[in-house]
C-alpha cells in the first residue's frame, strides 16, 4: 500500500466551466428581457401628432406602458387587460415602486378619448400623478 506523500502539494485548480455557463445564461436573459421591454414600446400604433410638447426622458424610474388600440383594447406588457384589472395592476405597481411610478399612455390616433379617459381616472384613484401621453412630432 502506498502512503500519501505529505511533502508534495497539489495546486488547486478552479473549474471555470460552470461560471462561464452562468455568464452566458445571464447574457441571454438580459438580451431577451431587454427585447421584450422594447417590444412593448414598439407596438405598431399610429400615434397622434403634436406641434408642442416635451421629449420624454428615459430614466430608470419604474414605468407602466399602456397601449390603447383603435378598438379600445388595452395592452400592458403585451397582454390584453380589462379596465378593472388595469386598476389593480396600477395599485400593485405603485406599492412596489413606492409611489414613484410613471404611466405612459400610447393611444392610437383612431382610439376615442372615451377609451383613454378611464386610464387617467384609474391612475388618479391609484394615487399616481405622473402620466405621459405619447405622441409624434408634427413636421
N, C-alpha and C. Protein backbone atom coordinates (compact mmCIF):
# COMPACT_ATOMS: atom_id res chain seq x y z
N UNK A 1 0.84 -1.17 0.00
CA UNK A 1 0.00 0.00 0.00
C UNK A 1 0.89 1.24 0.00
N UNK A 2 0.45 2.19 -0.77
CA UNK A 2 1.20 3.43 -0.89
C UNK A 2 0.80 4.43 0.17
N UNK A 3 1.75 5.02 0.78
CA UNK A 3 1.45 6.03 1.79
C UNK A 3 1.43 7.40 1.14
N UNK A 4 0.55 8.30 1.60
CA UNK A 4 0.49 9.62 0.99
C UNK A 4 1.75 10.42 1.28
N UNK A 5 2.18 11.13 0.29
CA UNK A 5 3.36 11.99 0.43
C UNK A 5 2.87 13.37 0.85
N UNK A 6 3.12 13.71 2.09
CA UNK A 6 2.62 14.97 2.62
C UNK A 6 3.45 16.17 2.18
N UNK A 7 4.65 15.89 1.67
CA UNK A 7 5.52 17.00 1.27
C UNK A 7 5.16 17.55 -0.10
N UNK A 8 4.58 16.74 -0.94
CA UNK A 8 4.22 17.21 -2.27
C UNK A 8 2.80 17.80 -2.21
N UNK A 9 2.69 19.04 -2.60
CA UNK A 9 1.38 19.69 -2.57
C UNK A 9 0.85 19.83 -3.99
N UNK A 10 -0.40 19.64 -4.08
CA UNK A 10 -1.06 19.84 -5.37
C UNK A 10 -1.58 21.26 -5.45
N UNK A 11 -1.57 21.82 -6.65
CA UNK A 11 -2.17 23.14 -6.82
C UNK A 11 -3.67 22.96 -7.03
N UNK A 12 -4.43 23.83 -6.45
CA UNK A 12 -5.88 23.76 -6.59
C UNK A 12 -6.28 24.51 -7.86
N UNK A 13 -6.96 23.82 -8.73
CA UNK A 13 -7.45 24.43 -9.96
C UNK A 13 -8.95 24.64 -9.83
N UNK A 14 -9.39 25.80 -10.34
CA UNK A 14 -10.82 26.05 -10.34
C UNK A 14 -11.37 25.67 -11.70
N UNK A 15 -12.49 25.01 -11.67
CA UNK A 15 -13.16 24.66 -12.90
C UNK A 15 -13.99 25.86 -13.34
N UNK A 16 -13.63 26.48 -14.44
CA UNK A 16 -14.28 27.70 -14.91
C UNK A 16 -15.54 27.43 -15.74
N UNK A 17 -15.77 26.20 -16.11
CA UNK A 17 -16.91 25.89 -16.98
C UNK A 17 -18.25 26.30 -16.38
N UNK A 18 -18.55 25.98 -15.12
CA UNK A 18 -19.85 26.41 -14.58
C UNK A 18 -20.00 27.93 -14.54
N UNK A 19 -18.92 28.63 -14.25
CA UNK A 19 -19.01 30.09 -14.21
C UNK A 19 -19.27 30.66 -15.61
N UNK A 20 -18.62 30.11 -16.61
CA UNK A 20 -18.85 30.57 -17.99
C UNK A 20 -20.28 30.27 -18.41
N UNK A 21 -20.79 29.10 -18.02
CA UNK A 21 -22.19 28.77 -18.33
C UNK A 21 -23.15 29.79 -17.71
N UNK A 22 -22.91 30.15 -16.46
CA UNK A 22 -23.78 31.10 -15.78
C UNK A 22 -23.70 32.47 -16.46
N UNK A 23 -22.51 32.89 -16.84
CA UNK A 23 -22.35 34.19 -17.51
C UNK A 23 -23.11 34.20 -18.83
N UNK A 24 -23.00 33.13 -19.61
CA UNK A 24 -23.73 33.08 -20.88
C UNK A 24 -25.24 33.07 -20.66
N UNK A 25 -25.71 32.37 -19.63
CA UNK A 25 -27.14 32.38 -19.34
C UNK A 25 -27.62 33.76 -18.92
N UNK A 26 -26.82 34.48 -18.15
CA UNK A 26 -27.19 35.84 -17.77
C UNK A 26 -27.24 36.77 -18.98
N UNK A 27 -26.28 36.61 -19.88
CA UNK A 27 -26.29 37.43 -21.10
C UNK A 27 -27.55 37.16 -21.90
N UNK A 28 -27.90 35.90 -22.07
CA UNK A 28 -29.11 35.55 -22.83
C UNK A 28 -30.35 36.11 -22.13
N UNK A 29 -30.40 36.00 -20.81
CA UNK A 29 -31.55 36.51 -20.06
C UNK A 29 -31.72 38.01 -20.27
N UNK A 30 -30.63 38.78 -20.15
CA UNK A 30 -30.74 40.23 -20.31
C UNK A 30 -31.05 40.62 -21.75
N UNK A 31 -30.56 39.88 -22.72
CA UNK A 31 -30.90 40.18 -24.11
C UNK A 31 -32.38 39.96 -24.37
N UNK A 32 -32.91 38.85 -23.88
CA UNK A 32 -34.32 38.54 -24.09
C UNK A 32 -35.21 39.53 -23.34
N UNK A 33 -34.87 39.84 -22.09
CA UNK A 33 -35.72 40.76 -21.33
C UNK A 33 -35.68 42.17 -21.90
N UNK A 34 -34.53 42.63 -22.39
CA UNK A 34 -34.49 43.96 -22.99
C UNK A 34 -35.27 43.98 -24.30
N UNK A 35 -35.28 42.87 -25.02
CA UNK A 35 -36.06 42.80 -26.27
C UNK A 35 -37.55 42.89 -25.96
N UNK A 36 -37.99 42.24 -24.89
CA UNK A 36 -39.41 42.29 -24.53
C UNK A 36 -39.82 43.69 -24.09
N UNK A 37 -38.95 44.40 -23.38
CA UNK A 37 -39.26 45.76 -22.96
C UNK A 37 -39.37 46.67 -24.17
N UNK A 38 -38.44 46.52 -25.13
CA UNK A 38 -38.51 47.34 -26.34
C UNK A 38 -39.75 47.00 -27.15
N UNK A 39 -40.16 45.74 -27.13
CA UNK A 39 -41.30 45.30 -27.92
C UNK A 39 -42.58 45.97 -27.46
N UNK A 40 -42.76 46.16 -26.15
CA UNK A 40 -43.99 46.80 -25.68
C UNK A 40 -44.04 48.27 -26.08
N UNK A 41 -42.88 48.92 -26.24
CA UNK A 41 -42.86 50.31 -26.68
C UNK A 41 -42.91 50.42 -28.19
N UNK A 42 -42.76 49.33 -28.89
CA UNK A 42 -42.74 49.38 -30.34
C UNK A 42 -43.97 48.73 -30.97
N UNK A 43 -45.02 48.59 -30.18
CA UNK A 43 -46.26 48.08 -30.74
C UNK A 43 -46.68 49.05 -31.84
N UNK A 44 -46.90 48.56 -33.05
CA UNK A 44 -47.16 49.50 -34.16
C UNK A 44 -48.50 50.22 -33.98
N UNK A 45 -48.42 51.43 -33.53
CA UNK A 45 -49.61 52.28 -33.37
C UNK A 45 -49.42 53.54 -34.19
N UNK A 46 -50.50 54.03 -34.71
CA UNK A 46 -50.49 55.30 -35.43
C UNK A 46 -50.73 56.39 -34.38
N UNK A 47 -49.65 56.90 -33.81
CA UNK A 47 -49.76 57.87 -32.72
C UNK A 47 -50.22 59.22 -33.23
N UNK A 48 -50.95 59.98 -32.41
CA UNK A 48 -51.37 61.31 -32.82
C UNK A 48 -50.17 62.26 -32.93
N UNK A 49 -50.35 63.32 -33.72
CA UNK A 49 -49.28 64.30 -33.91
C UNK A 49 -49.49 65.48 -32.97
N UNK A 50 -48.37 66.10 -32.58
CA UNK A 50 -48.42 67.28 -31.73
C UNK A 50 -47.38 68.27 -32.22
N UNK A 51 -47.70 69.54 -32.14
CA UNK A 51 -46.74 70.58 -32.56
C UNK A 51 -45.93 71.10 -31.39
N UNK A 52 -46.45 70.95 -30.17
CA UNK A 52 -45.72 71.40 -28.98
C UNK A 52 -45.68 70.25 -27.98
N UNK A 53 -44.70 70.32 -27.10
CA UNK A 53 -44.58 69.29 -26.07
C UNK A 53 -43.13 69.16 -25.65
N UNK A 54 -42.89 68.22 -24.78
CA UNK A 54 -41.54 67.96 -24.28
C UNK A 54 -41.16 66.53 -24.63
N UNK A 55 -39.90 66.34 -24.92
CA UNK A 55 -39.40 64.98 -25.15
C UNK A 55 -39.36 64.23 -23.83
N UNK A 56 -39.79 62.99 -23.88
CA UNK A 56 -39.77 62.16 -22.67
C UNK A 56 -38.33 61.76 -22.36
N UNK A 57 -38.01 61.80 -21.10
CA UNK A 57 -36.68 61.39 -20.64
C UNK A 57 -36.76 59.94 -20.23
N UNK A 58 -35.91 59.11 -20.83
CA UNK A 58 -35.90 57.69 -20.47
C UNK A 58 -34.93 57.48 -19.32
N UNK A 59 -35.45 57.63 -18.11
CA UNK A 59 -34.62 57.42 -16.93
C UNK A 59 -34.91 56.04 -16.36
N UNK A 60 -34.39 55.79 -15.20
CA UNK A 60 -34.54 54.47 -14.58
C UNK A 60 -35.80 54.37 -13.72
N UNK A 61 -36.65 55.37 -13.79
CA UNK A 61 -37.88 55.36 -13.00
C UNK A 61 -38.77 54.20 -13.46
N UNK A 62 -39.42 53.52 -12.51
CA UNK A 62 -40.35 52.46 -12.92
C UNK A 62 -41.48 53.04 -13.75
N UNK A 63 -41.89 52.27 -14.76
CA UNK A 63 -42.85 52.78 -15.72
C UNK A 63 -43.79 51.66 -16.15
N UNK A 64 -45.06 52.02 -16.35
CA UNK A 64 -46.05 51.12 -16.92
C UNK A 64 -46.49 51.75 -18.23
N UNK A 65 -46.36 51.00 -19.32
CA UNK A 65 -46.77 51.49 -20.63
C UNK A 65 -48.12 50.86 -20.97
N UNK A 66 -49.13 51.70 -21.18
CA UNK A 66 -50.46 51.24 -21.54
C UNK A 66 -50.69 51.60 -23.00
N UNK A 67 -50.88 50.59 -23.83
CA UNK A 67 -51.16 50.80 -25.25
C UNK A 67 -52.67 50.71 -25.47
N UNK A 68 -53.23 51.72 -26.14
CA UNK A 68 -54.66 51.75 -26.44
C UNK A 68 -54.80 51.56 -27.94
N UNK A 69 -55.38 50.44 -28.34
CA UNK A 69 -55.55 50.12 -29.76
C UNK A 69 -56.80 50.81 -30.29
N UNK A 70 -56.95 50.90 -31.62
CA UNK A 70 -58.07 51.64 -32.20
C UNK A 70 -59.45 51.18 -31.72
N UNK A 71 -59.62 49.91 -31.45
CA UNK A 71 -60.92 49.41 -30.99
C UNK A 71 -61.17 49.63 -29.51
N UNK A 72 -60.21 50.23 -28.80
CA UNK A 72 -60.37 50.47 -27.38
C UNK A 72 -59.73 49.41 -26.51
N UNK A 73 -59.10 48.42 -27.14
CA UNK A 73 -58.44 47.35 -26.38
C UNK A 73 -57.20 47.91 -25.68
N UNK A 74 -57.00 47.52 -24.41
CA UNK A 74 -55.86 47.97 -23.62
C UNK A 74 -54.83 46.85 -23.54
N UNK A 75 -53.58 47.19 -23.78
CA UNK A 75 -52.49 46.21 -23.69
C UNK A 75 -51.41 46.76 -22.77
N UNK A 76 -51.00 45.92 -21.82
CA UNK A 76 -49.90 46.24 -20.92
C UNK A 76 -48.94 45.06 -20.99
N UNK A 77 -47.68 45.36 -21.30
CA UNK A 77 -46.64 44.35 -21.42
C UNK A 77 -47.04 43.25 -22.39
N UNK A 78 -47.71 43.62 -23.46
CA UNK A 78 -48.08 42.67 -24.49
C UNK A 78 -49.35 41.90 -24.22
N UNK A 79 -49.93 42.02 -23.04
CA UNK A 79 -51.14 41.28 -22.69
C UNK A 79 -52.35 42.20 -22.69
N UNK A 80 -53.48 41.67 -23.11
CA UNK A 80 -54.73 42.43 -23.09
C UNK A 80 -55.22 42.49 -21.65
N UNK A 81 -55.58 43.69 -21.19
CA UNK A 81 -56.08 43.86 -19.83
C UNK A 81 -57.44 44.56 -19.88
N UNK A 82 -58.26 44.24 -18.90
CA UNK A 82 -59.55 44.91 -18.78
C UNK A 82 -59.35 46.17 -17.94
N UNK A 83 -60.28 47.11 -18.00
CA UNK A 83 -60.14 48.32 -17.17
C UNK A 83 -60.02 48.02 -15.68
N UNK A 84 -60.75 47.02 -15.17
CA UNK A 84 -60.67 46.69 -13.75
C UNK A 84 -59.32 46.08 -13.39
N UNK A 85 -58.82 45.19 -14.25
CA UNK A 85 -57.51 44.60 -13.95
C UNK A 85 -56.40 45.64 -14.10
N UNK A 86 -56.63 46.66 -14.94
CA UNK A 86 -55.65 47.75 -15.06
C UNK A 86 -55.58 48.53 -13.74
N UNK A 87 -56.73 48.76 -13.12
CA UNK A 87 -56.74 49.47 -11.84
C UNK A 87 -55.99 48.68 -10.78
N UNK A 88 -56.19 47.37 -10.74
CA UNK A 88 -55.47 46.53 -9.78
C UNK A 88 -53.98 46.52 -10.08
N UNK A 89 -53.62 46.45 -11.35
CA UNK A 89 -52.21 46.45 -11.75
C UNK A 89 -51.53 47.75 -11.34
N UNK A 90 -52.21 48.89 -11.55
CA UNK A 90 -51.63 50.18 -11.19
C UNK A 90 -51.42 50.28 -9.68
N UNK A 91 -52.37 49.77 -8.89
CA UNK A 91 -52.21 49.79 -7.44
C UNK A 91 -51.02 48.94 -7.00
N UNK A 92 -50.90 47.73 -7.58
CA UNK A 92 -49.77 46.85 -7.22
C UNK A 92 -48.43 47.47 -7.60
N UNK A 93 -48.36 48.03 -8.82
CA UNK A 93 -47.10 48.63 -9.28
C UNK A 93 -46.74 49.86 -8.44
N UNK A 94 -47.75 50.61 -8.00
CA UNK A 94 -47.49 51.77 -7.14
C UNK A 94 -46.92 51.33 -5.80
N UNK A 95 -47.46 50.27 -5.25
CA UNK A 95 -46.95 49.77 -3.97
C UNK A 95 -45.52 49.25 -4.13
N UNK A 96 -45.24 48.57 -5.24
CA UNK A 96 -43.89 48.06 -5.47
C UNK A 96 -42.88 49.18 -5.63
N UNK A 97 -43.27 50.24 -6.33
CA UNK A 97 -42.33 51.33 -6.63
C UNK A 97 -42.26 52.37 -5.52
N UNK A 98 -43.12 52.29 -4.56
CA UNK A 98 -43.11 53.29 -3.50
C UNK A 98 -43.77 54.59 -3.91
N UNK A 99 -44.59 54.57 -4.94
CA UNK A 99 -45.32 55.76 -5.36
C UNK A 99 -44.69 56.52 -6.50
N UNK A 100 -43.41 56.28 -6.78
CA UNK A 100 -42.73 56.99 -7.86
C UNK A 100 -42.83 56.18 -9.15
N UNK A 101 -44.01 56.19 -9.75
CA UNK A 101 -44.29 55.37 -10.93
C UNK A 101 -44.78 56.28 -12.05
N UNK A 102 -44.27 56.07 -13.24
CA UNK A 102 -44.73 56.81 -14.41
C UNK A 102 -45.65 55.91 -15.21
N UNK A 103 -46.73 56.50 -15.71
CA UNK A 103 -47.63 55.79 -16.61
C UNK A 103 -47.53 56.46 -17.96
N UNK A 104 -47.17 55.68 -18.96
CA UNK A 104 -47.04 56.20 -20.31
C UNK A 104 -48.19 55.62 -21.14
N UNK A 105 -49.06 56.48 -21.62
CA UNK A 105 -50.22 56.07 -22.40
C UNK A 105 -49.88 56.27 -23.87
N UNK A 106 -49.89 55.18 -24.62
CA UNK A 106 -49.66 55.23 -26.07
C UNK A 106 -51.00 54.94 -26.74
N UNK A 107 -51.72 55.98 -27.08
CA UNK A 107 -53.04 55.82 -27.67
C UNK A 107 -52.98 55.97 -29.18
N UNK A 108 -53.57 55.04 -29.88
CA UNK A 108 -53.64 55.12 -31.33
C UNK A 108 -54.48 56.34 -31.72
N UNK A 109 -54.14 56.90 -32.88
CA UNK A 109 -54.86 58.07 -33.37
C UNK A 109 -56.34 57.77 -33.57
N UNK A 110 -56.66 56.54 -33.90
CA UNK A 110 -58.05 56.16 -34.13
C UNK A 110 -58.81 55.81 -32.86
N UNK A 111 -58.13 55.76 -31.72
CA UNK A 111 -58.80 55.43 -30.46
C UNK A 111 -59.54 56.66 -29.94
N UNK A 112 -60.74 56.44 -29.49
CA UNK A 112 -61.54 57.54 -28.95
C UNK A 112 -61.02 57.94 -27.57
N UNK A 113 -61.21 59.21 -27.24
CA UNK A 113 -60.79 59.68 -25.92
C UNK A 113 -61.55 58.95 -24.81
N UNK A 114 -62.73 58.45 -25.14
CA UNK A 114 -63.51 57.70 -24.15
C UNK A 114 -62.78 56.44 -23.71
N UNK A 115 -61.82 55.97 -24.51
CA UNK A 115 -61.02 54.80 -24.12
C UNK A 115 -59.77 55.19 -23.32
N UNK A 116 -59.37 56.44 -23.40
CA UNK A 116 -58.16 56.90 -22.71
C UNK A 116 -58.51 57.52 -21.36
N UNK A 117 -59.65 58.18 -21.28
CA UNK A 117 -60.05 58.85 -20.04
C UNK A 117 -60.14 57.92 -18.84
N UNK A 118 -60.64 56.67 -18.98
CA UNK A 118 -60.66 55.78 -17.81
C UNK A 118 -59.27 55.43 -17.28
N UNK A 119 -58.27 55.41 -18.15
CA UNK A 119 -56.89 55.15 -17.71
C UNK A 119 -56.44 56.27 -16.80
N UNK A 120 -56.73 57.51 -17.19
CA UNK A 120 -56.33 58.66 -16.38
C UNK A 120 -57.06 58.66 -15.04
N UNK A 121 -58.33 58.30 -15.06
CA UNK A 121 -59.13 58.24 -13.84
C UNK A 121 -58.60 57.17 -12.89
N UNK A 122 -58.29 55.99 -13.45
CA UNK A 122 -57.78 54.90 -12.61
C UNK A 122 -56.40 55.23 -12.05
N UNK A 123 -55.59 55.94 -12.81
CA UNK A 123 -54.28 56.37 -12.32
C UNK A 123 -54.44 57.35 -11.16
N UNK A 124 -55.37 58.29 -11.30
CA UNK A 124 -55.61 59.26 -10.22
C UNK A 124 -56.14 58.57 -8.97
N UNK A 125 -57.02 57.60 -9.14
CA UNK A 125 -57.56 56.89 -7.97
C UNK A 125 -56.50 56.02 -7.30
N UNK A 126 -55.50 55.57 -8.09
CA UNK A 126 -54.41 54.78 -7.51
C UNK A 126 -53.36 55.69 -6.87
N UNK A 127 -53.54 57.01 -6.97
CA UNK A 127 -52.60 57.95 -6.36
C UNK A 127 -51.39 58.24 -7.24
N UNK A 128 -51.53 58.02 -8.54
CA UNK A 128 -50.43 58.26 -9.48
C UNK A 128 -50.68 59.56 -10.22
N UNK A 129 -49.68 60.40 -10.26
CA UNK A 129 -49.83 61.71 -10.90
C UNK A 129 -48.97 61.86 -12.14
N UNK A 130 -47.95 61.04 -12.31
CA UNK A 130 -47.01 61.18 -13.41
C UNK A 130 -47.49 60.38 -14.62
N UNK A 131 -48.35 60.99 -15.43
CA UNK A 131 -48.91 60.34 -16.61
C UNK A 131 -48.42 61.08 -17.85
N UNK A 132 -47.92 60.32 -18.81
CA UNK A 132 -47.42 60.90 -20.05
C UNK A 132 -48.22 60.36 -21.22
N UNK A 133 -48.66 61.24 -22.09
CA UNK A 133 -49.33 60.82 -23.33
C UNK A 133 -48.30 60.86 -24.45
N UNK A 134 -48.13 59.75 -25.14
CA UNK A 134 -47.11 59.64 -26.18
C UNK A 134 -47.68 60.10 -27.51
N UNK A 135 -46.96 60.99 -28.18
CA UNK A 135 -47.34 61.50 -29.49
C UNK A 135 -46.10 61.54 -30.38
N UNK A 136 -46.30 61.80 -31.66
CA UNK A 136 -45.18 62.03 -32.57
C UNK A 136 -45.14 63.51 -32.91
N UNK A 137 -43.95 63.98 -33.23
CA UNK A 137 -43.78 65.39 -33.55
C UNK A 137 -44.29 65.67 -34.95
N UNK A 138 -45.13 66.70 -35.05
CA UNK A 138 -45.65 67.10 -36.36
C UNK A 138 -44.59 67.94 -37.07
N UNK A 139 -44.37 67.63 -38.30
CA UNK A 139 -43.33 68.35 -39.06
C UNK A 139 -43.91 69.27 -40.08
